[in-house]
Amino acid sequence: MVGEFVVFCIEDPVRYQLLYQRVIPDWEPSPETYALAVGAG
């Protein structure tokens, strides 16, 4: 799975940034939203 994730990150860096990096400075998700994200993972 790790190899597939690395390939995904390399092939689509914009999507990777949107999903896994904070592209908006100083933005923090609400505790409720963060809990949903953690639960989905």
C-alpha atoms as a PDB file:
ATOM      1  CA  MET A   1       0.000   0.000   0.000  1.00  0.00           C
ATOM      2  CA  VAL A   2       2.827   2.400   0.746  1.00  0.00           C
ATOM      3  CA  GLY A   3       4.151   2.037  -2.781  1.00  0.00           C
ATOM      4  CA  GLU A   4       0.741   2.841  -4.244  1.00  0.00           C
ATOM      5  CA  PHE A   5       0.489   5.909  -2.014  1.00  0.00           C
ATOM      6  CA  VAL A   6       3.900   7.154  -3.130  1.00  0.00           C
ATOM      7  CA  VAL A   7       2.946   6.673  -6.777  1.00  0.00           C
ATOM      8  CA  PHE A   8      -0.299   8.589  -6.155  1.00  0.00           C
ATOM      9  CA  CYS A   9       1.613  11.459  -4.551  1.00  0.00           C
ATOM     10  CA  ILE A  10       4.127  11.645  -7.376  1.00  0.00           C
ATOM     11  CA  GLU A  11       1.603  11.344 -10.215  1.00  0.00           C
ATOM     12  CA  ASP A  12      -0.821  13.965  -8.869  1.00  0.00           C
ATOM     13  CA  PRO A  13       1.041  16.435  -6.633  1.00  0.00           C
ATOM     14  CA  VAL A  14      -1.769  19.019  -6.692  1.00  0.00           C
ATOM     15  CA  ARG A  15      -4.317  16.530  -5.364  1.00  0.00           C
ATOM     16  CA  TYR A  16      -1.780  15.335  -2.789  1.00  0.00           C
ATOM     17  CA  GLN A  17      -1.294  18.914  -1.586  1.00  0.00           C
ATOM     18  CA  LEU A  18      -5.031  19.529  -1.332  1.00  0.00           C
ATOM     19  CA  LEU A  19      -5.622  16.314   0.605  1.00  0.00           C
ATOM     20  CA  TYR A  20      -2.584  16.115   2.870  1.00  0.00           C
ATOM     21  CA  GLN A  21      -0.996  19.541   3.241  1.00  0.00           C
ATOM     22  CA  ARG A  22      -2.302  22.767   4.674  1.00  0.00           C
ATOM     23  CA  VAL A  23      -2.353  25.027   1.651  1.00  0.00           C
ATOM     24  CA  ILE A  24      -4.137  27.833   3.517  1.00  0.00           C
ATOM     25  CA  PRO A  25      -1.790  29.397   6.084  1.00  0.00           C
ATOM     26  CA  ASP A  26      -2.964  29.238   9.704  1.00  0.00           C
ATOM     27  CA  TRP A  27      -6.127  27.302   8.821  1.00  0.00           C
ATOM     28  CA  GLU A  28      -7.219  24.690  11.344  1.00  0.00           C
ATOM     29  CA  PRO A  29     -10.196  22.358  10.907  1.00  0.00           C
ATOM     30  CA  SER A  30     -12.879  22.455  13.568  1.00  0.00           C
ATOM     31  CA  PRO A  31     -12.659  19.703  16.185  1.00  0.00           C
ATOM     32  CA  GLU A  32     -15.818  18.114  14.753  1.00  0.00           C
ATOM     33  CA  THR A  33     -14.460  18.051  11.226  1.00  0.00           C
ATOM     34  CA  TYR A  34     -11.089  16.742  12.347  1.00  0.00           C
ATOM     35  CA  ALA A  35     -12.791  13.931  14.286  1.00  0.00           C
ATOM     36  CA  LEU A  36     -14.645  12.912  11.111  1.00  0.00           C
ATOM     37  CA  ALA A  37     -11.390  12.852   9.161  1.00  0.00           C
ATOM     38  CA  VAL A  38      -9.658  10.751  11.800  1.00  0.00           C
ATOM     39  CA  GLY A  39     -12.585   8.348  11.940  1.00  0.00           C
ATOM     40  CA  ALA A  40     -12.549   7.896   8.175  1.00  0.00           C
ATOM     41  CA  GLY A  41      -8.870   6.954   8.120  1.00  0.00           C
END
